[in-house]
């Protein structure tokens, strides 16, 4: 991160106006809100990795499920059909518990 931005982050956080975590979260949300292409890219990549469902990907991207399907198709991502296998659900549940 450029020195000026780092300095400004430090000024805000050390005076107690906001925690570093809150500041990063707000910056992240603002970045995604102001850059629809980044939201779509994030949704596509998380879907590609199997981390989210098609509906969740559409929600993140801010588009309809049908538009998300078309976006995935254009980007060469195979659309998963059906239910998540029990093994995969178990692995995801374990990962979520470890992150908590």
PDB file of N, CA and C in Angstrom:
ATOM      1  N   UNK A   1       0.845  -1.166   0.000  1.00  0.00           N
ATOM      2  CA  UNK A   1       0.000   0.000   0.000  1.00  0.00           C
ATOM      3  C   UNK A   1       0.898   1.239   0.000  1.00  0.00           C
ATOM      4  N   UNK A   2       0.559   2.253  -0.804  1.00  0.00           N
ATOM      5  CA  UNK A   2       1.380   3.468  -0.816  1.00  0.00           C
ATOM      6  C   UNK A   2       1.502   4.075   0.580  1.00  0.00           C
ATOM      7  N   UNK A   3       2.639   4.707   0.823  1.00  0.00           N
ATOM      8  CA  UNK A   3       2.943   5.260   2.137  1.00  0.00           C
ATOM      9  C   UNK A   3       1.888   6.257   2.621  1.00  0.00           C
ATOM     10  N   UNK A   4       1.383   7.105   1.726  1.00  0.00           N
ATOM     11  CA  UNK A   4       0.391   8.111   2.111  1.00  0.00           C
ATOM     12  C   UNK A   4      -0.890   7.454   2.624  1.00  0.00           C
ATOM     13  N   UNK A   5      -1.356   6.437   1.928  1.00  0.00           N
ATOM     14  CA  UNK A   5      -2.572   5.745   2.346  1.00  0.00           C
ATOM     15  C   UNK A   5      -2.335   5.047   3.677  1.00  0.00           C
ATOM     16  N   UNK A   6      -1.204   4.393   3.809  1.00  0.00           N
ATOM     17  CA  UNK A   6      -0.854   3.707   5.057  1.00  0.00           C
ATOM     18  C   UNK A   6      -0.833   4.706   6.215  1.00  0.00           C
ATOM     19  N   UNK A   7      -0.266   5.881   5.982  1.00  0.00           N
ATOM     20  CA  UNK A   7      -0.186   6.933   7.013  1.00  0.00           C
ATOM     21  C   UNK A   7      -1.589   7.392   7.405  1.00  0.00           C
ATOM     22  N   UNK A   8      -2.451   7.567   6.442  1.00  0.00           N
ATOM     23  CA  UNK A   8      -3.811   8.022   6.718  1.00  0.00           C
ATOM     24  C   UNK A   8      -4.615   6.954   7.461  1.00  0.00           C
ATOM     25  N   UNK A   9      -4.415   5.692   7.078  1.00  0.00           N
ATOM     26  CA  UNK A   9      -5.060   4.593   7.804  1.00  0.00           C
ATOM     27  C   UNK A   9      -4.631   4.636   9.273  1.00  0.00           C
ATOM     28  N   UNK A  10      -3.348   4.803   9.482  1.00  0.00           N
ATOM     29  CA  UNK A  10      -2.802   4.814  10.841  1.00  0.00           C
ATOM     30  C   UNK A  10      -3.384   5.976  11.646  1.00  0.00           C
ATOM     31  N   UNK A  11      -3.482   7.147  11.016  1.00  0.00           N
ATOM     32  CA  UNK A  11      -4.046   8.314  11.694  1.00  0.00           C
ATOM     33  C   UNK A  11      -5.465   8.039  12.164  1.00  0.00           C
ATOM     34  N   UNK A  12      -6.270   7.453  11.304  1.00  0.00           N
ATOM     35  CA  UNK A  12      -7.658   7.164  11.661  1.00  0.00           C
ATOM     36  C   UNK A  12      -7.765   6.108  12.749  1.00  0.00           C
ATOM     37  N   UNK A  13      -6.933   5.082  12.660  1.00  0.00           N
ATOM     38  CA  UNK A  13      -7.051   3.975  13.611  1.00  0.00           C
ATOM     39  C   UNK A  13      -6.424   4.290  14.965  1.00  0.00           C
ATOM     40  N   UNK A  14      -5.320   5.003  14.999  1.00  0.00           N
ATOM     41  CA  UNK A  14      -4.669   5.246  16.292  1.00  0.00           C
ATOM     42  C   UNK A  14      -5.412   6.263  17.138  1.00  0.00           C
ATOM     43  N   UNK A  15      -6.244   7.068  16.535  1.00  0.00           N
ATOM     44  CA  UNK A  15      -7.035   8.044  17.289  1.00  0.00           C
ATOM     45  C   UNK A  15      -8.353   7.443  17.776  1.00  0.00           C
ATOM     46  N   UNK A  16      -8.605   6.179  17.423  1.00  0.00           N
ATOM     47  CA  UNK A  16      -9.774   5.487  17.920  1.00  0.00           C
ATOM     48  C   UNK A  16     -11.064   5.779  17.180  1.00  0.00           C
ATOM     49  N   UNK A  17     -10.973   6.451  16.045  1.00  0.00           N
ATOM     50  CA  UNK A  17     -12.183   6.743  15.276  1.00  0.00           C
ATOM     51  C   UNK A  17     -12.779   5.476  14.679  1.00  0.00           C
ATOM     52  N   UNK A  18     -11.903   4.549  14.366  1.00  0.00           N
ATOM     53  CA  UNK A  18     -12.319   3.324  13.710  1.00  0.00           C
ATOM     54  C   UNK A  18     -11.201   2.299  13.894  1.00  0.00           C
ATOM     55  N   UNK A  19     -11.566   1.022  13.995  1.00  0.00           N
ATOM     56  CA  UNK A  19     -10.524  -0.006  14.106  1.00  0.00           C
ATOM     57  C   UNK A  19      -9.970  -0.288  12.709  1.00  0.00           C
ATOM     58  N   UNK A  20      -8.790  -0.867  12.666  1.00  0.00           N
ATOM     59  CA  UNK A  20      -8.189  -1.204  11.375  1.00  0.00           C
ATOM     60  C   UNK A  20      -9.074  -2.182  10.612  1.00  0.00           C
ATOM     61  N   UNK A  21      -9.658  -3.139  11.328  1.00  0.00           N
ATOM     62  CA  UNK A  21     -10.532  -4.121  10.687  1.00  0.00           C
ATOM     63  C   UNK A  21     -11.761  -3.440  10.073  1.00  0.00           C
ATOM     64  N   UNK A  22     -12.371  -2.514  10.813  1.00  0.00           N
ATOM     65  CA  UNK A  22     -13.540  -1.785  10.295  1.00  0.00           C
ATOM     66  C   UNK A  22     -13.171  -0.950   9.075  1.00  0.00           C
ATOM     67  N   UNK A  23     -12.015  -0.315   9.143  1.00  0.00           N
ATOM     68  CA  UNK A  23     -11.557   0.515   8.036  1.00  0.00           C
ATOM     69  C   UNK A  23     -11.331  -0.314   6.778  1.00  0.00           C
ATOM     70  N   UNK A  24     -10.682  -1.449   6.931  1.00  0.00           N
ATOM     71  CA  UNK A  24     -10.451  -2.331   5.779  1.00  0.00           C
ATOM     72  C   UNK A  24     -11.771  -2.841   5.210  1.00  0.00           C
ATOM     73  N   UNK A  25     -12.709  -3.214   6.089  1.00  0.00           N
ATOM     74  CA  UNK A  25     -14.016  -3.702   5.649  1.00  0.00           C
ATOM     75  C   UNK A  25     -14.759  -2.622   4.862  1.00  0.00           C
ATOM     76  N   UNK A  26     -14.759  -1.390   5.370  1.00  0.00           N
ATOM     77  CA  UNK A  26     -15.442  -0.291   4.679  1.00  0.00           C
ATOM     78  C   UNK A  26     -14.782   0.011   3.334  1.00  0.00           C
ATOM     79  N   UNK A  27     -13.459  -0.029   3.301  1.00  0.00           N
ATOM     80  CA  UNK A  27     -12.741   0.220   2.050  1.00  0.00           C
ATOM     81  C   UNK A  27     -13.067  -0.870   1.024  1.00  0.00           C
ATOM     82  N   UNK A  28     -13.095  -2.109   1.479  1.00  0.00           N
ATOM     83  CA  UNK A  28     -13.410  -3.250   0.614  1.00  0.00           C
ATOM     84  C   UNK A  28     -14.820  -3.117   0.047  1.00  0.00           C
ATOM     85  N   UNK A  29     -15.787  -2.840   0.923  1.00  0.00           N
ATOM     86  CA  UNK A  29     -17.174  -2.700   0.480  1.00  0.00           C
ATOM     87  C   UNK A  29     -17.339  -1.544  -0.503  1.00  0.00           C
ATOM     88  N   UNK A  30     -16.660  -0.450  -0.236  1.00  0.00           N
ATOM     89  CA  UNK A  30     -16.723   0.712  -1.129  1.00  0.00           C
ATOM     90  C   UNK A  30     -16.129   0.372  -2.496  1.00  0.00           C
ATOM     91  N   UNK A  31     -15.029  -0.326  -2.492  1.00  0.00           N
ATOM     92  CA  UNK A  31     -14.383  -0.737  -3.743  1.00  0.00           C
ATOM     93  C   UNK A  31     -15.334  -1.579  -4.585  1.00  0.00           C
ATOM     94  N   UNK A  32     -15.972  -2.566  -3.964  1.00  0.00           N
ATOM     95  CA  UNK A  32     -16.892  -3.433  -4.705  1.00  0.00           C
ATOM     96  C   UNK A  32     -18.144  -2.682  -5.147  1.00  0.00           C
ATOM     97  N   UNK A  33     -18.659  -1.804  -4.287  1.00  0.00           N
ATOM     98  CA  UNK A  33     -19.864  -1.046  -4.619  1.00  0.00           C
ATOM     99  C   UNK A  33     -19.624  -0.152  -5.842  1.00  0.00           C
ATOM    100  N   UNK A  34     -18.433   0.398  -5.938  1.00  0.00           N
ATOM    101  CA  UNK A  34     -18.124   1.335  -7.012  1.00  0.00           C
ATOM    102  C   UNK A  34     -17.524   0.698  -8.261  1.00  0.00           C
ATOM    103  N   UNK A  35     -17.324  -0.622  -8.232  1.00  0.00           N
ATOM    104  CA  UNK A  35     -16.707  -1.321  -9.358  1.00  0.00           C
ATOM    105  C   UNK A  35     -17.460  -2.618  -9.671  1.00  0.00           C
ATOM    106  N   UNK A  36     -18.548  -2.522 -10.430  1.00  0.00           N
ATOM    107  CA  UNK A  36     -19.347  -3.711 -10.745  1.00  0.00           C
ATOM    108  C   UNK A  36     -18.536  -4.838 -11.383  1.00  0.00           C
ATOM    109  N   UNK A  37     -17.554  -4.506 -12.198  1.00  0.00           N
ATOM    110  CA  UNK A  37     -16.735  -5.543 -12.838  1.00  0.00           C
ATOM    111  C   UNK A  37     -15.961  -6.363 -11.803  1.00  0.00           C
ATOM    112  N   UNK A  38     -15.511  -5.712 -10.733  1.00  0.00           N
ATOM    113  CA  UNK A  38     -14.810  -6.445  -9.679  1.00  0.00           C
ATOM    114  C   UNK A  38     -15.756  -7.380  -8.939  1.00  0.00           C
ATOM    115  N   UNK A  39     -16.996  -6.932  -8.704  1.00  0.00           N
ATOM    116  CA  UNK A  39     -17.995  -7.796  -8.055  1.00  0.00           C
ATOM    117  C   UNK A  39     -18.240  -9.044  -8.891  1.00  0.00           C
ATOM    118  N   UNK A  40     -18.351  -8.845 -10.196  1.00  0.00           N
ATOM    119  CA  UNK A  40     -18.595  -9.982 -11.089  1.00  0.00           C
ATOM    120  C   UNK A  40     -17.399 -10.921 -11.087  1.00  0.00           C
ATOM    121  N   UNK A  41     -16.203 -10.363 -11.169  1.00  0.00           N
ATOM    122  CA  UNK A  41     -14.995 -11.188 -11.157  1.00  0.00           C
ATOM    123  C   UNK A  41     -14.892 -11.981  -9.858  1.00  0.00           C
ATOM    124  N   UNK A  42     -15.170 -11.341  -8.736  1.00  0.00           N
ATOM    125  CA  UNK A  42     -15.139 -12.019  -7.446  1.00  0.00           C
ATOM    126  C   UNK A  42     -16.145 -13.167  -7.418  1.00  0.00           C
ATOM    127  N   UNK A  43     -17.352 -12.896  -7.884  1.00  0.00           N
ATOM    128  CA  UNK A  43     -18.405 -13.921  -7.898  1.00  0.00           C
ATOM    129  C   UNK A  43     -18.015 -15.095  -8.793  1.00  0.00           C
ATOM    130  N   UNK A  44     -17.484 -14.798  -9.964  1.00  0.00           N
ATOM    131  CA  UNK A  44     -17.081 -15.855 -10.900  1.00  0.00           C
ATOM    132  C   UNK A  44     -15.985 -16.724 -10.283  1.00  0.00           C
ATOM    133  N   UNK A  45     -14.990 -16.103  -9.694  1.00  0.00           N
ATOM    134  CA  UNK A  45     -13.866 -16.866  -9.140  1.00  0.00           C
ATOM    135  C   UNK A  45     -14.283 -17.700  -7.930  1.00  0.00           C
ATOM    136  N   UNK A  46     -15.129 -17.149  -7.065  1.00  0.00           N
ATOM    137  CA  UNK A  46     -15.580 -17.938  -5.925  1.00  0.00           C
ATOM    138  C   UNK A  46     -16.463 -19.096  -6.381  1.00  0.00           C
ATOM    139  N   UNK A  47     -17.270 -18.868  -7.410  1.00  0.00           N
ATOM    140  CA  UNK A  47     -18.096 -19.941  -7.961  1.00  0.00           C
ATOM    141  C   UNK A  47     -17.204 -21.003  -8.609  1.00  0.00           C
ATOM    142  N   UNK A  48     -16.213 -20.564  -9.380  1.00  0.00           N
ATOM    143  CA  UNK A  48     -15.291 -21.490 -10.053  1.00  0.00           C
ATOM    144  C   UNK A  48     -14.616 -22.411  -9.039  1.00  0.00           C
ATOM    145  N   UNK A  49     -14.260 -21.866  -7.884  1.00  0.00           N
ATOM    146  CA  UNK A  49     -13.584 -22.639  -6.837  1.00  0.00           C
ATOM    147  C   UNK A  49     -14.546 -23.523  -6.042  1.00  0.00           C
ATOM    148  N   UNK A  50     -15.848 -23.382  -6.294  1.00  0.00           N
ATOM    149  CA  UNK A  50     -16.828 -24.176  -5.580  1.00  0.00           C
ATOM    150  C   UNK A  50     -17.138 -23.649  -4.193  1.00  0.00           C
ATOM    151  N   UNK A  51     -16.794 -22.390  -3.941  1.00  0.00           N
ATOM    152  CA  UNK A  51     -16.996 -21.809  -2.620  1.00  0.00           C
ATOM    153  C   UNK A  51     -18.400 -21.271  -2.415  1.00  0.00           C
ATOM    154  N   UNK A  52     -19.112 -20.976  -3.507  1.00  0.00           N
ATOM    155  CA  UNK A  52     -20.455 -20.414  -3.406  1.00  0.00           C
ATOM    156  C   UNK A  52     -21.364 -21.048  -4.454  1.00  0.00           C
ATOM    157  N   UNK A  53     -22.662 -20.897  -4.236  1.00  0.00           N
ATOM    158  CA  UNK A  53     -23.643 -21.412  -5.184  1.00  0.00           C
ATOM    159  C   UNK A  53     -23.851 -20.417  -6.323  1.00  0.00           C
ATOM    160  N   UNK A  54     -24.566 -20.864  -7.333  1.00  0.00           N
ATOM    161  CA  UNK A  54     -24.905 -20.000  -8.454  1.00  0.00           C
ATOM    162  C   UNK A  54     -25.734 -18.813  -7.980  1.00  0.00           C
ATOM    163  N   UNK A  55     -26.717 -19.058  -7.127  1.00  0.00           N
ATOM    164  CA  UNK A  55     -27.551 -17.962  -6.622  1.00  0.00           C
ATOM    165  C   UNK A  55     -26.741 -16.954  -5.822  1.00  0.00           C
ATOM    166  N   UNK A  56     -25.826 -17.452  -4.991  1.00  0.00           N
ATOM    167  CA  UNK A  56     -24.979 -16.539  -4.204  1.00  0.00           C
ATOM    168  C   UNK A  56     -24.058 -15.748  -5.129  1.00  0.00           C
ATOM    169  N   UNK A  57     -23.537 -16.382  -6.164  1.00  0.00           N
ATOM    170  CA  UNK A  57     -22.669 -15.690  -7.126  1.00  0.00           C
ATOM    171  C   UNK A  57     -23.439 -14.546  -7.795  1.00  0.00           C
ATOM    172  N   UNK A  58     -24.675 -14.818  -8.187  1.00  0.00           N
ATOM    173  CA  UNK A  58     -25.503 -13.785  -8.810  1.00  0.00           C
ATOM    174  C   UNK A  58     -25.746 -12.635  -7.838  1.00  0.00           C
ATOM    175  N   UNK A  59     -25.990 -12.989  -6.587  1.00  0.00           N
ATOM    176  CA  UNK A  59     -26.229 -11.969  -5.555  1.00  0.00           C
ATOM    177  C   UNK A  59     -24.999 -11.072  -5.376  1.00  0.00           C
ATOM    178  N   UNK A  60     -23.832 -11.671  -5.257  1.00  0.00           N
ATOM    179  CA  UNK A  60     -22.588 -10.912  -5.105  1.00  0.00           C
ATOM    180  C   UNK A  60     -22.359 -10.013  -6.315  1.00  0.00           C
ATOM    181  N   UNK A  61     -22.585 -10.571  -7.504  1.00  0.00           N
ATOM    182  CA  UNK A  61     -22.352  -9.836  -8.745  1.00  0.00           C
ATOM    183  C   UNK A  61     -23.384  -8.728  -8.969  1.00  0.00           C
ATOM    184  N   UNK A  62     -24.532  -8.855  -8.309  1.00  0.00           N
ATOM    185  CA  UNK A  62     -25.578  -7.853  -8.487  1.00  0.00           C
ATOM    186  C   UNK A  62     -26.349  -8.016  -9.785  1.00  0.00           C
ATOM    187  N   UNK A  63     -26.450  -9.272 -10.230  1.00  0.00           N
ATOM    188  CA  UNK A  63     -27.166  -9.572 -11.471  1.00  0.00           C
ATOM    189  C   UNK A  63     -28.118 -10.739 -11.225  1.00  0.00           C
ATOM    190  N   UNK A  64     -28.973 -11.023 -12.204  1.00  0.00           N
ATOM    191  CA  UNK A  64     -29.900 -12.144 -12.050  1.00  0.00           C
ATOM    192  C   UNK A  64     -29.154 -13.470 -12.212  1.00  0.00           C
ATOM    193  N   UNK A  65     -29.812 -14.545 -11.783  1.00  0.00           N
ATOM    194  CA  UNK A  65     -29.222 -15.875 -11.922  1.00  0.00           C
ATOM    195  C   UNK A  65     -28.989 -16.206 -13.392  1.00  0.00           C
ATOM    196  N   UNK A  66     -29.936 -15.836 -14.242  1.00  0.00           N
ATOM    197  CA  UNK A  66     -29.773 -16.104 -15.679  1.00  0.00           C
ATOM    198  C   UNK A  66     -28.593 -15.321 -16.256  1.00  0.00           C
ATOM    199  N   UNK A  67     -28.434 -14.072 -15.839  1.00  0.00           N
ATOM    200  CA  UNK A  67     -27.287 -13.276 -16.291  1.00  0.00           C
ATOM    201  C   UNK A  67     -25.984 -13.881 -15.780  1.00  0.00           C
ATOM    202  N   UNK A  68     -26.025 -14.424 -14.555  1.00  0.00           N
ATOM    203  CA  UNK A  68     -24.829 -15.059 -13.994  1.00  0.00           C
ATOM    204  C   UNK A  68     -24.464 -16.292 -14.800  1.00  0.00           C
ATOM    205  N   UNK A  69     -25.458 -17.080 -15.187  1.00  0.00           N
ATOM    206  CA  UNK A  69     -25.192 -18.263 -16.016  1.00  0.00           C
ATOM    207  C   UNK A  69     -24.503 -17.858 -17.314  1.00  0.00           C
ATOM    208  N   UNK A  70     -25.008 -16.811 -17.943  1.00  0.00           N
ATOM    209  CA  UNK A  70     -24.407 -16.329 -19.201  1.00  0.00           C
ATOM    210  C   UNK A  70     -22.984 -15.834 -18.973  1.00  0.00           C
ATOM    211  N   UNK A  71     -22.776 -15.126 -17.876  1.00  0.00           N
ATOM    212  CA  UNK A  71     -21.437 -14.620 -17.545  1.00  0.00           C
ATOM    213  C   UNK A  71     -20.469 -15.773 -17.338  1.00  0.00           C
ATOM    214  N   UNK A  72     -20.903 -16.785 -16.594  1.00  0.00           N
ATOM    215  CA  UNK A  72     -20.051 -17.954 -16.359  1.00  0.00           C
ATOM    216  C   UNK A  72     -19.728 -18.654 -17.665  1.00  0.00           C
ATOM    217  N   UNK A  73     -20.731 -18.798 -18.518  1.00  0.00           N
ATOM    218  CA  UNK A  73     -20.537 -19.450 -19.811  1.00  0.00           C
ATOM    219  C   UNK A  73     -19.493 -18.690 -20.643  1.00  0.00           C
ATOM    220  N   UNK A  74     -19.641 -17.363 -20.694  1.00  0.00           N
ATOM    221  CA  UNK A  74     -18.696 -16.529 -21.466  1.00  0.00           C
ATOM    222  C   UNK A  74     -17.273 -16.636 -20.928  1.00  0.00           C
ATOM    223  N   UNK A  75     -17.139 -16.843 -19.633  1.00  0.00           N
ATOM    224  CA  UNK A  75     -15.815 -16.923 -19.009  1.00  0.00           C
ATOM    225  C   UNK A  75     -15.298 -18.356 -18.928  1.00  0.00           C
ATOM    226  N   UNK A  76     -16.012 -19.281 -19.554  1.00  0.00           N
ATOM    227  CA  UNK A  76     -15.551 -20.662 -19.628  1.00  0.00           C
ATOM    228  C   UNK A  76     -15.672 -21.447 -18.339  1.00  0.00           C
ATOM    229  N   UNK A  77     -16.614 -21.060 -17.493  1.00  0.00           N
ATOM    230  CA  UNK A  77     -16.813 -21.753 -16.224  1.00  0.00           C
ATOM    231  C   UNK A  77     -18.003 -22.689 -16.367  1.00  0.00           C
ATOM    232  N   UNK A  78     -17.789 -23.946 -16.024  1.00  0.00           N
ATOM    233  CA  UNK A  78     -18.856 -24.941 -16.099  1.00  0.00           C
ATOM    234  C   UNK A  78     -19.855 -24.708 -14.972  1.00  0.00           C
ATOM    235  N   UNK A  79     -21.122 -24.744 -15.319  1.00  0.00           N
ATOM    236  CA  UNK A  79     -22.171 -24.550 -14.331  1.00  0.00           C
ATOM    237  C   UNK A  79     -22.459 -25.881 -13.661  1.00  0.00           C
ATOM    238  N   UNK A  80     -22.365 -25.898 -12.336  1.00  0.00           N
ATOM    239  CA  UNK A  80     -22.624 -27.112 -11.565  1.00  0.00           C
ATOM    240  C   UNK A  80     -24.129 -27.311 -11.445  1.00  0.00           C
ATOM    241  N   UNK A  81     -24.526 -28.535 -11.538  1.00  0.00           N
ATOM    242  CA  UNK A  81     -25.944 -28.878 -11.416  1.00  0.00           C
ATOM    243  C   UNK A  81     -26.135 -29.825 -10.237  1.00  0.00           C
ATOM    244  N   UNK A  82     -27.293 -29.765  -9.620  1.00  0.00           N
ATOM    245  CA  UNK A  82     -27.621 -30.713  -8.565  1.00  0.00           C
ATOM    246  C   UNK A  82     -27.128 -30.292  -7.201  1.00  0.00           C
ATOM    247  N   UNK A  83     -27.197 -31.257  -6.291  1.00  0.00           N
ATOM    248  CA  UNK A  83     -26.858 -31.014  -4.905  1.00  0.00           C
ATOM    249  C   UNK A  83     -25.371 -31.205  -4.657  1.00  0.00           C
ATOM    250  N   UNK A  84     -24.879 -30.582  -3.592  1.00  0.00           N
ATOM    251  CA  UNK A  84     -23.489 -30.731  -3.181  1.00  0.00           C
ATOM    252  C   UNK A  84     -23.318 -32.088  -2.514  1.00  0.00           C
ATOM    253  N   UNK A  85     -22.309 -32.869  -2.922  1.00  0.00           N
ATOM    254  CA  UNK A  85     -22.072 -34.176  -2.295  1.00  0.00           C
ATOM    255  C   UNK A  85     -21.813 -34.032  -0.794  1.00  0.00           C
ATOM    256  N   UNK A  86     -22.189 -35.043  -0.018  1.00  0.00           N
ATOM    257  CA  UNK A  86     -22.026 -35.007   1.437  1.00  0.00           C
ATOM    258  C   UNK A  86     -20.571 -34.759   1.832  1.00  0.00           C
ATOM    259  N   UNK A  87     -19.628 -35.380   1.116  1.00  0.00           N
ATOM    260  CA  UNK A  87     -18.211 -35.209   1.448  1.00  0.00           C
ATOM    261  C   UNK A  87     -17.817 -33.742   1.344  1.00  0.00           C
ATOM    262  N   UNK A  88     -18.259 -33.085   0.289  1.00  0.00           N
ATOM    263  CA  UNK A  88     -17.931 -31.676   0.081  1.00  0.00           C
ATOM    264  C   UNK A  88     -18.586 -30.808   1.161  1.00  0.00           C
ATOM    265  N   UNK A  89     -19.839 -31.129   1.543  1.00  0.00           N
ATOM    266  CA  UNK A  89     -20.518 -30.398   2.604  1.00  0.00           C
ATOM    267  C   UNK A  89     -19.742 -30.532   3.909  1.00  0.00           C
ATOM    268  N   UNK A  90     -19.279 -31.751   4.186  1.00  0.00           N
ATOM    269  CA  UNK A  90     -18.539 -32.012   5.409  1.00  0.00           C
ATOM    270  C   UNK A  90     -17.233 -31.218   5.439  1.00  0.00           C
ATOM    271  N   UNK A  91     -16.533 -31.195   4.313  1.00  0.00           N
ATOM    272  CA  UNK A  91     -15.280 -30.440   4.224  1.00  0.00           C
ATOM    273  C   UNK A  91     -15.526 -28.950   4.429  1.00  0.00           C
ATOM    274  N   UNK A  92     -16.592 -28.433   3.830  1.00  0.00           N
ATOM    275  CA  UNK A  92     -16.917 -27.017   3.960  1.00  0.00           C
ATOM    276  C   UNK A  92     -17.284 -26.689   5.407  1.00  0.00           C
ATOM    277  N   UNK A  93     -18.059 -27.538   6.046  1.00  0.00           N
ATOM    278  CA  UNK A  93     -18.446 -27.322   7.436  1.00  0.00           C
ATOM    279  C   UNK A  93     -17.212 -27.295   8.335  1.00  0.00           C
ATOM    280  N   UNK A  94     -16.287 -28.220   8.102  1.00  0.00           N
ATOM    281  CA  UNK A  94     -15.052 -28.273   8.893  1.00  0.00           C
ATOM    282  C   UNK A  94     -14.248 -26.987   8.713  1.00  0.00           C
ATOM    283  N   UNK A  95     -14.145 -26.507   7.475  1.00  0.00           N
ATOM    284  CA  UNK A  95     -13.395 -25.289   7.163  1.00  0.00           C
ATOM    285  C   UNK A  95     -14.033 -24.081   7.862  1.00  0.00           C
ATOM    286  N   UNK A  96     -15.368 -24.016   7.863  1.00  0.00           N
ATOM    287  CA  UNK A  96     -16.063 -22.909   8.513  1.00  0.00           C
ATOM    288  C   UNK A  96     -15.841 -22.908  10.016  1.00  0.00           C
ATOM    289  N   UNK A  97     -15.830 -24.098  10.620  1.00  0.00           N
ATOM    290  CA  UNK A  97     -15.584 -24.205  12.060  1.00  0.00           C
ATOM    291  C   UNK A  97     -14.169 -23.760  12.383  1.00  0.00           C
ATOM    292  N   UNK A  98     -13.204 -24.147  11.554  1.00  0.00           N
ATOM    293  CA  UNK A  98     -11.806 -23.769  11.792  1.00  0.00           C
ATOM    294  C   UNK A  98     -11.611 -22.263  11.659  1.00  0.00           C
ATOM    295  N   UNK A  99     -12.351 -21.623  10.758  1.00  0.00           N
ATOM    296  CA  UNK A  99     -12.233 -20.185  10.549  1.00  0.00           C
ATOM    297  C   UNK A  99     -12.885 -19.375  11.660  1.00  0.00           C
ATOM    298  N   UNK A 100     -13.832 -19.982  12.364  1.00  0.00           N
ATOM    299  CA  UNK A 100     -14.582 -19.247  13.398  1.00  0.00           C
ATOM    300  C   UNK A 100     -13.774 -18.994  14.639  1.00  0.00           C
TER     301      UNK A 100
END
